[in-house]
mmCIF file of all heavy atoms, coordinates in Angstrom:
data_MODEL
# 
_entry.id   MODEL 
# 
loop_
_atom_site.group_PDB 
_atom_site.id 
_atom_site.type_symbol 
_atom_site.label_atom_id 
_atom_site.label_alt_id 
_atom_site.label_comp_id 
_atom_site.label_asym_id 
_atom_site.label_entity_id 
_atom_site.label_seq_id 
_atom_site.pdbx_PDB_ins_code 
_atom_site.Cartn_x 
_atom_site.Cartn_y 
_atom_site.Cartn_z 
_atom_site.occupancy 
_atom_site.B_iso_or_equiv 
_atom_site.pdbx_formal_charge 
_atom_site.auth_seq_id 
_atom_site.auth_comp_id 
_atom_site.auth_asym_id 
_atom_site.auth_atom_id 
_atom_site.pdbx_PDB_model_num 
ATOM 1   N N   . GLY A 1 1  ? 117.639 96.106  110.665 1.00 0.00 ? 1  GLY A N   1 
ATOM 2   C CA  . GLY A 1 1  ? 116.401 96.733  111.068 1.00 0.00 ? 1  GLY A CA  1 
ATOM 3   C C   . GLY A 1 1  ? 116.462 97.328  112.443 1.00 0.00 ? 1  GLY A C   1 
ATOM 4   O O   . GLY A 1 1  ? 117.580 97.552  112.950 1.00 0.00 ? 1  GLY A O   1 
ATOM 5   N N   . VAL A 1 2  ? 115.267 97.612  113.059 1.00 0.00 ? 2  VAL A N   1 
ATOM 6   C CA  . VAL A 1 2  ? 115.192 98.194  114.397 1.00 0.00 ? 2  VAL A CA  1 
ATOM 7   C C   . VAL A 1 2  ? 114.528 97.242  115.303 1.00 0.00 ? 2  VAL A C   1 
ATOM 8   O O   . VAL A 1 2  ? 113.467 96.885  115.141 1.00 0.00 ? 2  VAL A O   1 
ATOM 9   C CB  . VAL A 1 2  ? 114.385 99.520  114.270 1.00 0.00 ? 2  VAL A CB  1 
ATOM 10  C CG1 . VAL A 1 2  ? 114.258 100.294 115.646 1.00 0.00 ? 2  VAL A CG1 1 
ATOM 11  C CG2 . VAL A 1 2  ? 114.986 100.521 113.252 1.00 0.00 ? 2  VAL A CG2 1 
ATOM 12  N N   . GLY A 1 3  ? 115.261 96.867  116.394 1.00 0.00 ? 3  GLY A N   1 
ATOM 13  C CA  . GLY A 1 3  ? 114.821 95.943  117.373 1.00 0.00 ? 3  GLY A CA  1 
ATOM 14  C C   . GLY A 1 3  ? 114.336 96.745  118.586 1.00 0.00 ? 3  GLY A C   1 
ATOM 15  O O   . GLY A 1 3  ? 114.358 97.971  118.626 1.00 0.00 ? 3  GLY A O   1 
ATOM 16  N N   . PRO A 1 4  ? 113.893 95.980  119.645 1.00 0.00 ? 4  PRO A N   1 
ATOM 17  C CA  . PRO A 1 4  ? 113.433 96.567  120.868 1.00 0.00 ? 4  PRO A CA  1 
ATOM 18  C C   . PRO A 1 4  ? 114.469 97.431  121.550 1.00 0.00 ? 4  PRO A C   1 
ATOM 19  O O   . PRO A 1 4  ? 114.226 98.533  122.152 1.00 0.00 ? 4  PRO A O   1 
ATOM 20  C CB  . PRO A 1 4  ? 112.911 95.499  121.712 1.00 0.00 ? 4  PRO A CB  1 
ATOM 21  C CG  . PRO A 1 4  ? 113.302 94.185  121.056 1.00 0.00 ? 4  PRO A CG  1 
ATOM 22  C CD  . PRO A 1 4  ? 113.770 94.556  119.668 1.00 0.00 ? 4  PRO A CD  1 
ATOM 23  N N   . PHE A 1 5  ? 115.740 97.000  121.540 1.00 0.00 ? 5  PHE A N   1 
ATOM 24  C CA  . PHE A 1 5  ? 116.761 97.770  122.230 1.00 0.00 ? 5  PHE A CA  1 
ATOM 25  C C   . PHE A 1 5  ? 117.033 99.111  121.471 1.00 0.00 ? 5  PHE A C   1 
ATOM 26  O O   . PHE A 1 5  ? 117.163 100.179 122.224 1.00 0.00 ? 5  PHE A O   1 
ATOM 27  C CB  . PHE A 1 5  ? 118.094 96.941  122.204 1.00 0.00 ? 5  PHE A CB  1 
ATOM 28  C CG  . PHE A 1 5  ? 119.269 97.662  122.831 1.00 0.00 ? 5  PHE A CG  1 
ATOM 29  C CD1 . PHE A 1 5  ? 119.275 97.806  124.254 1.00 0.00 ? 5  PHE A CD1 1 
ATOM 30  C CD2 . PHE A 1 5  ? 120.248 98.211  122.173 1.00 0.00 ? 5  PHE A CD2 1 
ATOM 31  C CE1 . PHE A 1 5  ? 120.296 98.478  124.856 1.00 0.00 ? 5  PHE A CE1 1 
ATOM 32  C CE2 . PHE A 1 5  ? 121.305 98.917  122.749 1.00 0.00 ? 5  PHE A CE2 1 
ATOM 33  C CZ  . PHE A 1 5  ? 121.365 99.052  124.122 1.00 0.00 ? 5  PHE A CZ  1 
ATOM 34  N N   . GLU A 1 6  ? 117.024 99.108  120.218 1.00 0.00 ? 6  GLU A N   1 
ATOM 35  C CA  . GLU A 1 6  ? 117.180 100.320 119.453 1.00 0.00 ? 6  GLU A CA  1 
ATOM 36  C C   . GLU A 1 6  ? 116.033 101.314 119.720 1.00 0.00 ? 6  GLU A C   1 
ATOM 37  O O   . GLU A 1 6  ? 116.218 102.528 119.844 1.00 0.00 ? 6  GLU A O   1 
ATOM 38  C CB  . GLU A 1 6  ? 117.372 100.075 117.947 1.00 0.00 ? 6  GLU A CB  1 
ATOM 39  C CG  . GLU A 1 6  ? 118.663 99.411  117.523 1.00 0.00 ? 6  GLU A CG  1 
ATOM 40  C CD  . GLU A 1 6  ? 118.613 97.903  117.647 1.00 0.00 ? 6  GLU A CD  1 
ATOM 41  O OE1 . GLU A 1 6  ? 117.547 97.361  117.926 1.00 0.00 ? 6  GLU A OE1 1 
ATOM 42  O OE2 . GLU A 1 6  ? 119.719 97.326  117.340 1.00 0.00 ? 6  GLU A OE2 1 
ATOM 43  N N   . MET A 1 7  ? 114.804 100.778 119.734 1.00 0.00 ? 7  MET A N   1 
ATOM 44  C CA  . MET A 1 7  ? 113.637 101.602 120.014 1.00 0.00 ? 7  MET A CA  1 
ATOM 45  C C   . MET A 1 7  ? 113.760 102.268 121.412 1.00 0.00 ? 7  MET A C   1 
ATOM 46  O O   . MET A 1 7  ? 113.467 103.481 121.578 1.00 0.00 ? 7  MET A O   1 
ATOM 47  C CB  . MET A 1 7  ? 112.342 100.804 119.898 1.00 0.00 ? 7  MET A CB  1 
ATOM 48  C CG  . MET A 1 7  ? 112.046 100.347 118.481 1.00 0.00 ? 7  MET A CG  1 
ATOM 49  S SD  . MET A 1 7  ? 111.741 101.756 117.369 1.00 0.00 ? 7  MET A SD  1 
ATOM 50  C CE  . MET A 1 7  ? 110.121 102.126 117.769 1.00 0.00 ? 7  MET A CE  1 
ATOM 51  N N   . MET A 1 8  ? 114.204 101.488 122.378 1.00 0.00 ? 8  MET A N   1 
ATOM 52  C CA  . MET A 1 8  ? 114.363 102.027 123.744 1.00 0.00 ? 8  MET A CA  1 
ATOM 53  C C   . MET A 1 8  ? 115.388 103.126 123.756 1.00 0.00 ? 8  MET A C   1 
ATOM 54  O O   . MET A 1 8  ? 115.285 104.180 124.391 1.00 0.00 ? 8  MET A O   1 
ATOM 55  C CB  . MET A 1 8  ? 114.710 100.941 124.693 1.00 0.00 ? 8  MET A CB  1 
ATOM 56  C CG  . MET A 1 8  ? 114.238 101.072 126.051 1.00 0.00 ? 8  MET A CG  1 
ATOM 57  S SD  . MET A 1 8  ? 114.321 99.634  127.193 1.00 0.00 ? 8  MET A SD  1 
ATOM 58  C CE  . MET A 1 8  ? 115.602 98.580  126.566 1.00 0.00 ? 8  MET A CE  1 
ATOM 59  N N   . MET A 1 9  ? 116.499 102.937 123.009 1.00 0.00 ? 9  MET A N   1 
ATOM 60  C CA  . MET A 1 9  ? 117.590 103.975 122.947 1.00 0.00 ? 9  MET A CA  1 
ATOM 61  C C   . MET A 1 9  ? 117.084 105.210 122.342 1.00 0.00 ? 9  MET A C   1 
ATOM 62  O O   . MET A 1 9  ? 117.342 106.340 122.792 1.00 0.00 ? 9  MET A O   1 
ATOM 63  C CB  . MET A 1 9  ? 118.787 103.435 122.184 1.00 0.00 ? 9  MET A CB  1 
ATOM 64  C CG  . MET A 1 9  ? 119.575 102.363 122.905 1.00 0.00 ? 9  MET A CG  1 
ATOM 65  S SD  . MET A 1 9  ? 120.223 102.899 124.485 1.00 0.00 ? 9  MET A SD  1 
ATOM 66  C CE  . MET A 1 9  ? 121.356 104.150 123.959 1.00 0.00 ? 9  MET A CE  1 
ATOM 67  N N   . PHE A 1 10 ? 116.266 105.059 121.227 1.00 0.00 ? 10 PHE A N   1 
ATOM 68  C CA  . PHE A 1 10 ? 115.726 106.282 120.612 1.00 0.00 ? 10 PHE A CA  1 
ATOM 69  C C   . PHE A 1 10 ? 114.809 107.039 121.604 1.00 0.00 ? 10 PHE A C   1 
ATOM 70  O O   . PHE A 1 10 ? 114.761 108.257 121.706 1.00 0.00 ? 10 PHE A O   1 
ATOM 71  C CB  . PHE A 1 10 ? 114.871 105.935 119.314 1.00 0.00 ? 10 PHE A CB  1 
ATOM 72  C CG  . PHE A 1 10 ? 115.810 105.614 118.182 1.00 0.00 ? 10 PHE A CG  1 
ATOM 73  C CD1 . PHE A 1 10 ? 115.595 104.388 117.460 1.00 0.00 ? 10 PHE A CD1 1 
ATOM 74  C CD2 . PHE A 1 10 ? 116.782 106.473 117.719 1.00 0.00 ? 10 PHE A CD2 1 
ATOM 75  C CE1 . PHE A 1 10 ? 116.355 104.111 116.338 1.00 0.00 ? 10 PHE A CE1 1 
ATOM 76  C CE2 . PHE A 1 10 ? 117.614 106.201 116.670 1.00 0.00 ? 10 PHE A CE2 1 
ATOM 77  C CZ  . PHE A 1 10 ? 117.404 104.966 116.006 1.00 0.00 ? 10 PHE A CZ  1 
ATOM 78  N N   . GLY A 1 11 ? 114.038 106.194 122.329 1.00 0.00 ? 11 GLY A N   1 
ATOM 79  C CA  . GLY A 1 11 ? 113.132 106.834 123.401 1.00 0.00 ? 11 GLY A CA  1 
ATOM 80  C C   . GLY A 1 11 ? 113.924 107.626 124.430 1.00 0.00 ? 11 GLY A C   1 
ATOM 81  O O   . GLY A 1 11 ? 113.480 108.764 124.842 1.00 0.00 ? 11 GLY A O   1 
ATOM 82  N N   . VAL A 1 12 ? 114.997 107.028 124.932 1.00 0.00 ? 12 VAL A N   1 
ATOM 83  C CA  . VAL A 1 12 ? 115.790 107.709 125.938 1.00 0.00 ? 12 VAL A CA  1 
ATOM 84  C C   . VAL A 1 12 ? 116.421 108.957 125.421 1.00 0.00 ? 12 VAL A C   1 
ATOM 85  O O   . VAL A 1 12 ? 116.418 110.057 126.045 1.00 0.00 ? 12 VAL A O   1 
ATOM 86  C CB  . VAL A 1 12 ? 116.853 106.732 126.503 1.00 0.00 ? 12 VAL A CB  1 
ATOM 87  C CG1 . VAL A 1 12 ? 117.945 107.463 127.341 1.00 0.00 ? 12 VAL A CG1 1 
ATOM 88  C CG2 . VAL A 1 12 ? 116.253 105.587 127.236 1.00 0.00 ? 12 VAL A CG2 1 
ATOM 89  N N   . ILE A 1 13 ? 116.995 108.869 124.121 1.00 0.00 ? 13 ILE A N   1 
ATOM 90  C CA  . ILE A 1 13 ? 117.533 110.085 123.561 1.00 0.00 ? 13 ILE A CA  1 
ATOM 91  C C   . ILE A 1 13 ? 116.582 111.175 123.356 1.00 0.00 ? 13 ILE A C   1 
ATOM 92  O O   . ILE A 1 13 ? 116.778 112.369 123.629 1.00 0.00 ? 13 ILE A O   1 
ATOM 93  C CB  . ILE A 1 13 ? 118.221 109.735 122.196 1.00 0.00 ? 13 ILE A CB  1 
ATOM 94  C CG1 . ILE A 1 13 ? 119.496 108.868 122.485 1.00 0.00 ? 13 ILE A CG1 1 
ATOM 95  C CG2 . ILE A 1 13 ? 118.644 110.911 121.410 1.00 0.00 ? 13 ILE A CG2 1 
ATOM 96  C CD1 . ILE A 1 13 ? 120.118 108.219 121.260 1.00 0.00 ? 13 ILE A CD1 1 
ATOM 97  N N   . ALA A 1 14 ? 115.358 110.830 122.838 1.00 0.00 ? 14 ALA A N   1 
ATOM 98  C CA  . ALA A 1 14 ? 114.231 111.746 122.684 1.00 0.00 ? 14 ALA A CA  1 
ATOM 99  C C   . ALA A 1 14 ? 113.849 112.419 124.031 1.00 0.00 ? 14 ALA A C   1 
ATOM 100 O O   . ALA A 1 14 ? 113.591 113.628 124.100 1.00 0.00 ? 14 ALA A O   1 
ATOM 101 C CB  . ALA A 1 14 ? 113.027 111.103 121.997 1.00 0.00 ? 14 ALA A CB  1 
ATOM 102 N N   . LEU A 1 15 ? 113.774 111.631 125.142 1.00 0.00 ? 15 LEU A N   1 
ATOM 103 C CA  . LEU A 1 15 ? 113.416 112.129 126.421 1.00 0.00 ? 15 LEU A CA  1 
ATOM 104 C C   . LEU A 1 15 ? 114.463 113.091 126.894 1.00 0.00 ? 15 LEU A C   1 
ATOM 105 O O   . LEU A 1 15 ? 114.180 114.177 127.459 1.00 0.00 ? 15 LEU A O   1 
ATOM 106 C CB  . LEU A 1 15 ? 113.248 110.963 127.378 1.00 0.00 ? 15 LEU A CB  1 
ATOM 107 C CG  . LEU A 1 15 ? 112.749 111.300 128.779 1.00 0.00 ? 15 LEU A CG  1 
ATOM 108 C CD1 . LEU A 1 15 ? 111.373 111.945 128.698 1.00 0.00 ? 15 LEU A CD1 1 
ATOM 109 C CD2 . LEU A 1 15 ? 112.677 110.072 129.622 1.00 0.00 ? 15 LEU A CD2 1 
ATOM 110 N N   . LEU A 1 16 ? 115.771 112.783 126.680 1.00 0.00 ? 16 LEU A N   1 
ATOM 111 C CA  . LEU A 1 16 ? 116.859 113.664 127.118 1.00 0.00 ? 16 LEU A CA  1 
ATOM 112 C C   . LEU A 1 16 ? 116.822 114.979 126.291 1.00 0.00 ? 16 LEU A C   1 
ATOM 113 O O   . LEU A 1 16 ? 117.089 116.060 126.805 1.00 0.00 ? 16 LEU A O   1 
ATOM 114 C CB  . LEU A 1 16 ? 118.185 112.961 126.947 1.00 0.00 ? 16 LEU A CB  1 
ATOM 115 C CG  . LEU A 1 16 ? 118.479 111.870 127.941 1.00 0.00 ? 16 LEU A CG  1 
ATOM 116 C CD1 . LEU A 1 16 ? 119.815 111.203 127.576 1.00 0.00 ? 16 LEU A CD1 1 
ATOM 117 C CD2 . LEU A 1 16 ? 118.540 112.444 129.354 1.00 0.00 ? 16 LEU A CD2 1 
ATOM 118 N N   . LEU A 1 17 ? 116.554 114.801 125.001 1.00 0.00 ? 17 LEU A N   1 
ATOM 119 C CA  . LEU A 1 17 ? 116.568 116.131 124.171 1.00 0.00 ? 17 LEU A CA  1 
ATOM 120 C C   . LEU A 1 17 ? 115.365 116.993 124.350 1.00 0.00 ? 17 LEU A C   1 
ATOM 121 O O   . LEU A 1 17 ? 115.486 118.246 124.511 1.00 0.00 ? 17 LEU A O   1 
ATOM 122 C CB  . LEU A 1 17 ? 116.604 115.679 122.677 1.00 0.00 ? 17 LEU A CB  1 
ATOM 123 C CG  . LEU A 1 17 ? 117.912 115.123 122.182 1.00 0.00 ? 17 LEU A CG  1 
ATOM 124 C CD1 . LEU A 1 17 ? 117.820 114.733 120.723 1.00 0.00 ? 17 LEU A CD1 1 
ATOM 125 C CD2 . LEU A 1 17 ? 119.058 116.149 122.304 1.00 0.00 ? 17 LEU A CD2 1 
ATOM 126 N N   . PHE A 1 18 ? 114.183 116.416 124.516 1.00 0.00 ? 18 PHE A N   1 
ATOM 127 C CA  . PHE A 1 18 ? 112.942 117.249 124.561 1.00 0.00 ? 18 PHE A CA  1 
ATOM 128 C C   . PHE A 1 18 ? 112.308 117.318 125.953 1.00 0.00 ? 18 PHE A C   1 
ATOM 129 O O   . PHE A 1 18 ? 111.623 118.223 126.175 1.00 0.00 ? 18 PHE A O   1 
ATOM 130 C CB  . PHE A 1 18 ? 111.909 116.706 123.536 1.00 0.00 ? 18 PHE A CB  1 
ATOM 131 C CG  . PHE A 1 18 ? 112.455 116.694 122.122 1.00 0.00 ? 18 PHE A CG  1 
ATOM 132 C CD1 . PHE A 1 18 ? 112.803 115.481 121.460 1.00 0.00 ? 18 PHE A CD1 1 
ATOM 133 C CD2 . PHE A 1 18 ? 112.596 117.930 121.494 1.00 0.00 ? 18 PHE A CD2 1 
ATOM 134 C CE1 . PHE A 1 18 ? 113.191 115.543 120.163 1.00 0.00 ? 18 PHE A CE1 1 
ATOM 135 C CE2 . PHE A 1 18 ? 113.013 117.968 120.122 1.00 0.00 ? 18 PHE A CE2 1 
ATOM 136 C CZ  . PHE A 1 18 ? 113.391 116.837 119.524 1.00 0.00 ? 18 PHE A CZ  1 
ATOM 137 N N   . GLY A 1 19 ? 112.584 116.373 126.796 1.00 0.00 ? 19 GLY A N   1 
ATOM 138 C CA  . GLY A 1 19 ? 112.104 116.464 128.161 1.00 0.00 ? 19 GLY A CA  1 
ATOM 139 C C   . GLY A 1 19 ? 110.540 116.603 128.354 1.00 0.00 ? 19 GLY A C   1 
ATOM 140 O O   . GLY A 1 19 ? 109.847 115.793 127.800 1.00 0.00 ? 19 GLY A O   1 
ATOM 141 N N   . LYS A 1 20 ? 110.147 117.703 128.896 1.00 0.00 ? 20 LYS A N   1 
ATOM 142 C CA  . LYS A 1 20 ? 108.740 117.902 129.195 1.00 0.00 ? 20 LYS A CA  1 
ATOM 143 C C   . LYS A 1 20 ? 107.943 118.283 127.896 1.00 0.00 ? 20 LYS A C   1 
ATOM 144 O O   . LYS A 1 20 ? 106.761 118.145 127.844 1.00 0.00 ? 20 LYS A O   1 
ATOM 145 C CB  . LYS A 1 20 ? 108.544 118.968 130.253 1.00 0.00 ? 20 LYS A CB  1 
ATOM 146 C CG  . LYS A 1 20 ? 109.022 118.636 131.567 1.00 0.00 ? 20 LYS A CG  1 
ATOM 147 C CD  . LYS A 1 20 ? 108.757 119.650 132.640 1.00 0.00 ? 20 LYS A CD  1 
ATOM 148 C CE  . LYS A 1 20 ? 109.266 119.303 133.969 1.00 0.00 ? 20 LYS A CE  1 
ATOM 149 N NZ  . LYS A 1 20 ? 108.992 120.286 134.978 1.00 0.00 ? 20 LYS A NZ  1 
ATOM 150 N N   . ARG A 1 21 ? 108.674 118.668 126.889 1.00 0.00 ? 21 ARG A N   1 
ATOM 151 C CA  . ARG A 1 21 ? 108.067 119.062 125.632 1.00 0.00 ? 21 ARG A CA  1 
ATOM 152 C C   . ARG A 1 21 ? 107.753 117.807 124.720 1.00 0.00 ? 21 ARG A C   1 
ATOM 153 O O   . ARG A 1 21 ? 107.284 118.023 123.628 1.00 0.00 ? 21 ARG A O   1 
ATOM 154 C CB  . ARG A 1 21 ? 108.865 120.079 124.892 1.00 0.00 ? 21 ARG A CB  1 
ATOM 155 C CG  . ARG A 1 21 ? 108.982 121.416 125.627 1.00 0.00 ? 21 ARG A CG  1 
ATOM 156 C CD  . ARG A 1 21 ? 109.671 122.437 124.804 1.00 0.00 ? 21 ARG A CD  1 
ATOM 157 N NE  . ARG A 1 21 ? 110.393 121.866 123.655 1.00 0.00 ? 21 ARG A NE  1 
ATOM 158 C CZ  . ARG A 1 21 ? 111.224 122.479 122.924 1.00 0.00 ? 21 ARG A CZ  1 
ATOM 159 N NH1 . ARG A 1 21 ? 111.438 123.791 123.097 1.00 0.00 ? 21 ARG A NH1 1 
ATOM 160 N NH2 . ARG A 1 21 ? 111.908 121.920 121.941 1.00 0.00 ? 21 ARG A NH2 1 
ATOM 161 N N   . LEU A 1 22 ? 108.182 116.636 125.150 1.00 0.00 ? 22 LEU A N   1 
ATOM 162 C CA  . LEU A 1 22 ? 108.080 115.510 124.301 1.00 0.00 ? 22 LEU A CA  1 
ATOM 163 C C   . LEU A 1 22 ? 106.612 115.236 123.800 1.00 0.00 ? 22 LEU A C   1 
ATOM 164 O O   . LEU A 1 22 ? 106.490 114.990 122.605 1.00 0.00 ? 22 LEU A O   1 
ATOM 165 C CB  . LEU A 1 22 ? 108.606 114.200 125.036 1.00 0.00 ? 22 LEU A CB  1 
ATOM 166 C CG  . LEU A 1 22 ? 108.739 112.936 124.209 1.00 0.00 ? 22 LEU A CG  1 
ATOM 167 C CD1 . LEU A 1 22 ? 109.654 113.217 122.988 1.00 0.00 ? 22 LEU A CD1 1 
ATOM 168 C CD2 . LEU A 1 22 ? 109.307 111.796 125.033 1.00 0.00 ? 22 LEU A CD2 1 
ATOM 169 N N   . PRO A 1 23 ? 105.581 115.346 124.637 1.00 0.00 ? 23 PRO A N   1 
ATOM 170 C CA  . PRO A 1 23 ? 104.223 115.140 124.153 1.00 0.00 ? 23 PRO A CA  1 
ATOM 171 C C   . PRO A 1 23 ? 103.861 116.172 123.020 1.00 0.00 ? 23 PRO A C   1 
ATOM 172 O O   . PRO A 1 23 ? 103.229 115.889 122.066 1.00 0.00 ? 23 PRO A O   1 
ATOM 173 C CB  . PRO A 1 23 ? 103.350 115.258 125.274 1.00 0.00 ? 23 PRO A CB  1 
ATOM 174 C CG  . PRO A 1 23 ? 104.230 114.952 126.440 1.00 0.00 ? 23 PRO A CG  1 
ATOM 175 C CD  . PRO A 1 23 ? 105.573 115.431 126.134 1.00 0.00 ? 23 PRO A CD  1 
ATOM 176 N N   . GLU A 1 24 ? 104.284 117.380 123.301 1.00 0.00 ? 24 GLU A N   1 
ATOM 177 C CA  . GLU A 1 24 ? 104.031 118.482 122.235 1.00 0.00 ? 24 GLU A CA  1 
ATOM 178 C C   . GLU A 1 24 ? 104.750 118.187 120.963 1.00 0.00 ? 24 GLU A C   1 
ATOM 179 O O   . GLU A 1 24 ? 104.167 118.305 119.822 1.00 0.00 ? 24 GLU A O   1 
ATOM 180 C CB  . GLU A 1 24 ? 104.474 119.778 122.826 1.00 0.00 ? 24 GLU A CB  1 
ATOM 181 C CG  . GLU A 1 24 ? 104.195 120.976 121.992 1.00 0.00 ? 24 GLU A CG  1 
ATOM 182 C CD  . GLU A 1 24 ? 104.721 122.292 122.597 1.00 0.00 ? 24 GLU A CD  1 
ATOM 183 O OE1 . GLU A 1 24 ? 104.745 122.382 123.837 1.00 0.00 ? 24 GLU A OE1 1 
ATOM 184 O OE2 . GLU A 1 24 ? 105.215 123.103 121.839 1.00 0.00 ? 24 GLU A OE2 1 
# 
């Protein structure tokens, strides 16, 4: 399954890919 560490990694990758456009 997906634990807290994996969720944090997905968040970091999403932040790196989308940056300021992440809320949009």
